[in-house]
Protein backbone atom coordinates (compact mmCIF):
# COMPACT_ATOMS: atom_id res chain seq x y z
CA MET A 1 121.97 112.49 73.22
CA SER A 2 124.24 110.38 71.01
CA GLU A 3 127.18 108.55 72.27
CA LEU A 4 129.75 110.76 70.32
CA THR A 5 128.73 113.86 72.21
CA LEU A 6 129.74 112.32 75.58
CA GLU A 7 133.28 111.11 74.77
CA GLY A 8 135.61 113.53 76.44
CA HIS A 9 132.67 115.77 77.35
CA LEU A 10 133.50 118.27 80.12
CA HIS A 11 131.64 117.52 83.57
CA ARG A 12 130.98 121.15 84.64
CA ARG A 13 130.47 120.34 88.39
CA CYS A 14 133.96 118.99 88.91
CA GLY A 15 136.04 119.76 85.70
CA GLY A 16 136.49 116.21 84.81
CA HIS A 17 135.89 114.63 81.65
CA TYR A 18 133.58 111.67 80.55
CA ALA A 19 135.27 108.49 79.15
CA LEU A 20 133.65 105.26 77.75
CA ALA A 21 133.41 102.71 80.44
CA VAL A 22 131.50 99.37 81.13
CA GLU A 23 129.55 98.28 84.21
CA GLU A 24 127.66 95.18 85.10
CA VAL A 25 123.97 95.58 85.92
CA THR A 26 121.04 93.16 86.75
CA ILE A 27 118.02 93.70 84.55
CA ARG A 28 114.63 92.31 85.73
CA LEU A 29 111.82 91.39 83.39
CA SER A 30 108.67 89.38 84.31
CA GLY A 31 110.07 87.72 87.21
CA MET A 32 113.30 86.80 85.50
CA THR A 33 116.74 88.31 85.87
CA ALA A 34 119.81 88.55 83.84
CA LYS A 35 123.38 90.07 84.48
CA VAL A 36 124.72 91.82 81.53
CA GLU A 37 127.36 94.43 80.60
CA ARG A 38 126.24 97.87 79.94
CA ALA A 39 128.31 100.65 78.34
CA MET A 40 128.31 104.13 80.00
CA TYR A 41 130.37 107.20 80.22
CA LYS A 42 132.04 107.93 83.53
CA CYS A 43 133.71 111.08 84.65
CA ASP A 44 137.55 110.55 85.21
CA LYS A 45 137.60 112.91 88.19
CA CYS A 46 134.42 112.37 90.38
CA GLY A 47 133.13 109.12 89.01
CA ASP A 48 129.70 110.40 87.75
CA LYS A 49 128.07 107.93 85.42
CA GLN A 50 125.97 108.91 82.44
CA HIS A 51 123.98 106.53 79.91
CA THR A 52 122.74 107.18 76.57
CA VAL A 53 119.48 105.89 75.20
CA GLU A 54 121.42 103.52 72.88
CA GLN A 55 123.44 102.09 75.74
CA ARG A 56 120.55 101.42 77.84
CA GLU A 57 118.51 99.78 74.90
CA ALA A 58 121.48 97.61 73.97
CA ALA A 59 121.71 96.31 77.42
CA GLU A 60 118.14 95.58 77.52
CA ARG A 61 118.24 93.55 74.11
CA GLU A 62 121.08 91.59 75.71
CA ALA A 63 119.19 90.80 78.73
CA VAL A 64 116.18 89.69 76.73
CA LEU A 65 118.23 87.38 74.52
CA THR A 66 119.73 85.89 77.74
CA MET A 67 116.50 85.28 79.42
CA ARG A 68 114.93 83.81 76.38
CA HIS A 69 117.86 81.39 75.95
CA ARG A 70 117.81 80.49 79.71
CA HIS A 71 114.16 79.85 79.99
CA GLN A 72 113.83 78.30 76.33
CA LEU A 73 111.08 80.89 75.54
CA LEU A 74 109.52 81.21 72.13
CA THR A 75 111.09 83.80 69.91
CA ALA A 76 109.15 86.71 68.44
CA LYS A 77 109.24 84.92 65.04
CA GLU A 78 107.94 81.82 66.45
CA ILE A 79 104.87 83.29 68.21
CA LYS A 80 103.78 84.96 64.86
CA GLN A 81 104.34 81.89 62.69
CA PHE A 82 102.12 79.86 65.25
CA ARG A 83 99.37 82.44 65.35
CA GLU A 84 99.36 82.74 61.64
CA SER A 85 99.39 78.99 61.12
CA VAL A 86 96.23 78.64 63.24
CA ALA A 87 94.49 81.51 61.45
CA LEU A 88 94.21 83.64 64.58
CA SER A 89 94.27 87.48 64.72
CA THR A 90 96.42 89.19 67.48
CA ALA A 91 93.20 89.99 69.32
CA GLN A 92 91.88 86.39 69.25
CA LEU A 93 95.17 85.00 70.39
CA GLY A 94 94.98 87.49 73.27
CA GLU A 95 91.49 86.36 74.11
CA LEU A 96 92.77 82.83 74.44
CA LEU A 97 95.29 83.98 76.89
CA HIS A 98 92.86 85.31 79.51
CA GLY A 99 91.96 88.33 77.51
CA LEU A 100 95.34 89.89 77.10
CA PRO A 101 95.15 93.05 74.86
CA LYS A 102 96.20 92.56 71.26
CA GLY A 103 98.88 95.22 71.76
CA ILE A 104 100.71 92.84 74.01
CA VAL A 105 100.59 90.11 71.54
CA GLU A 106 101.84 92.54 68.88
CA GLY A 107 104.69 93.49 71.20
CA TRP A 108 105.76 89.91 71.46
CA GLU A 109 105.79 89.46 67.69
CA LYS A 110 107.88 92.63 67.34
CA GLY A 111 110.38 91.74 70.08
CA ARG A 112 109.38 94.86 72.27
CA TYR A 113 107.85 92.60 75.09
CA LEU A 114 109.10 89.30 76.70
CA GLN A 115 106.47 86.76 77.75
CA SER A 116 106.91 85.17 81.15
CA PRO A 117 107.70 81.42 81.32
CA ALA A 118 104.09 80.76 82.57
CA VAL A 119 102.74 82.59 79.44
CA ASP A 120 105.06 80.90 77.16
CA ALA A 121 103.72 77.58 78.48
CA MET A 122 100.14 78.71 77.83
CA LEU A 123 101.19 79.69 74.23
CA ARG A 124 102.68 76.21 73.71
CA SER A 125 99.66 74.51 74.96
CA LEU A 126 97.55 76.28 72.32
CA THR A 127 99.22 74.10 69.63
CA ASP A 128 96.49 71.51 70.79
CA ARG A 129 93.36 72.13 68.89
CA GLU A 130 91.12 70.86 71.63
CA GLU A 131 92.85 73.37 74.08
CA ARG A 132 92.16 76.18 71.65
CA GLU A 133 88.58 75.14 71.29
CA ARG A 134 88.12 75.09 75.00
CA ARG A 135 89.69 78.56 75.51
CA ALA A 136 87.70 80.01 72.67
CA LEU A 137 84.42 78.62 74.03
CA ARG A 138 85.34 80.22 77.51
CA ALA A 139 86.12 83.60 75.62
CA GLY A 140 82.78 83.48 73.68
CA PHE A 141 83.94 83.10 70.15
CA VAL A 142 84.21 80.56 67.35
CA LEU A 143 87.62 79.61 66.19
CA PRO A 144 88.45 80.48 62.62
CA PRO A 145 88.83 77.60 60.22
CA LEU A 146 92.30 76.33 59.46
CA PRO A 147 93.48 76.36 55.79
CA GLY A 148 91.40 73.96 53.85
CA GLU A 149 88.92 73.38 56.52
CA ALA A 150 85.26 74.22 56.33
CA VAL A 151 83.77 77.00 58.50
CA THR A 152 80.77 74.61 59.31
CA ASP A 153 83.10 71.99 60.76
CA SER A 154 84.81 74.42 62.93
CA ALA A 155 81.46 75.75 64.12
CA ALA A 156 80.14 72.28 64.73
CA ARG A 157 82.96 71.22 66.98
CA VAL A 158 82.38 74.42 69.16
CA ASP A 159 78.76 73.90 69.27
CA GLY A 160 79.11 70.33 70.20
CA ALA A 161 81.41 71.39 73.01
CA THR A 162 78.92 74.00 74.18
CA GLU A 163 76.14 71.39 74.38
CA ALA A 164 78.24 68.83 76.12
CA ASP A 165 79.14 71.55 78.78
CA GLY A 166 75.41 72.45 79.20
CA SER A 167 76.24 76.10 78.65
CA SER A 168 76.01 78.59 75.86
CA ALA A 169 78.34 81.33 74.91
CA PRO A 170 76.23 84.39 73.76
CA ALA A 171 77.37 85.84 70.29
CA SER A 172 77.69 89.65 69.74
CA ASP A 173 77.85 91.44 66.39
CA ASP A 174 81.59 91.65 66.97
CA ASP A 175 82.10 87.92 67.28
CA THR A 176 84.30 86.10 64.74
CA ARG A 177 82.43 84.37 61.80
CA GLY A 178 84.26 82.72 59.08
CA GLY A 179 87.69 83.55 60.48
CA SER A 180 87.48 87.37 60.57
CA PRO A 181 89.10 89.04 63.57
CA ILE A 182 87.10 90.07 66.68
CA ASP A 183 87.48 93.28 68.56
CA ALA A 184 89.45 92.27 71.84
CA THR A 185 88.54 94.00 75.06
CA MET A 186 91.57 96.16 75.85
CA VAL A 187 92.22 95.70 79.61
CA PRO A 188 95.30 97.43 80.93
CA PRO A 189 97.73 94.87 82.48
CA GLU A 190 97.58 96.48 85.85
CA ASP A 191 93.75 95.72 85.83
CA ALA A 192 94.01 92.27 84.79
CA GLY A 193 93.77 90.71 88.32
CA THR A 194 95.08 87.25 88.19
CA ARG A 195 95.69 87.37 84.54
CA PRO A 196 99.39 86.79 83.45
CA GLU A 197 101.27 90.10 83.64
CA PRO A 198 102.79 91.09 80.31
CA ALA A 199 106.52 92.01 80.40
CA GLN A 200 107.76 95.30 78.86
CA VAL A 201 111.34 95.50 77.63
CA ALA A 202 111.50 98.96 79.24
CA ALA A 203 111.83 97.35 82.78
CA GLY A 204 113.56 98.81 85.84
CA VAL A 205 117.27 98.39 85.98
CA GLN A 206 119.14 97.88 89.17
CA GLY A 207 122.96 98.41 88.89
């Protein structure tokens, strides 16, 4: 239902009419909260409130901007630029973050999801090459080479880390070789145990 259809619309239960109004709501996402103003339509007789999809989405976008600014979180553009700068696929970046589904990473990059401060800190830690190699070794794949970097150099670093650790990471046919993306295991967030819980923009709203 569009906003235009509710302005002056008859409320059949009481005979009143809806008019545009504004309310303050608290929106919660990933352990963060933000108070924002949300447009609505309110019956001038009984006070019944109705919200359109556009009004809800606008309030959610404002809440996301507020939380991102308050907690100094990476923006969608910054996350994508970082991932591409280190030649990772969305699936690979998810694997480095305790096996998050690539759909969550894609949601961050498109602004549909909002990462928590804890996950944001992990993303920032991946700017360090040694940290990426350590996490890749744990996830069982070889990091793709950076632009201008030989594949053998990247593989040698990971192999050396494996020998120093005294363990080996078995390779499957789906592992990355030469920088091609791997197939990430799609684990639903609710089944991820202690893994960071992804934030969805479509979070519950409490007035």
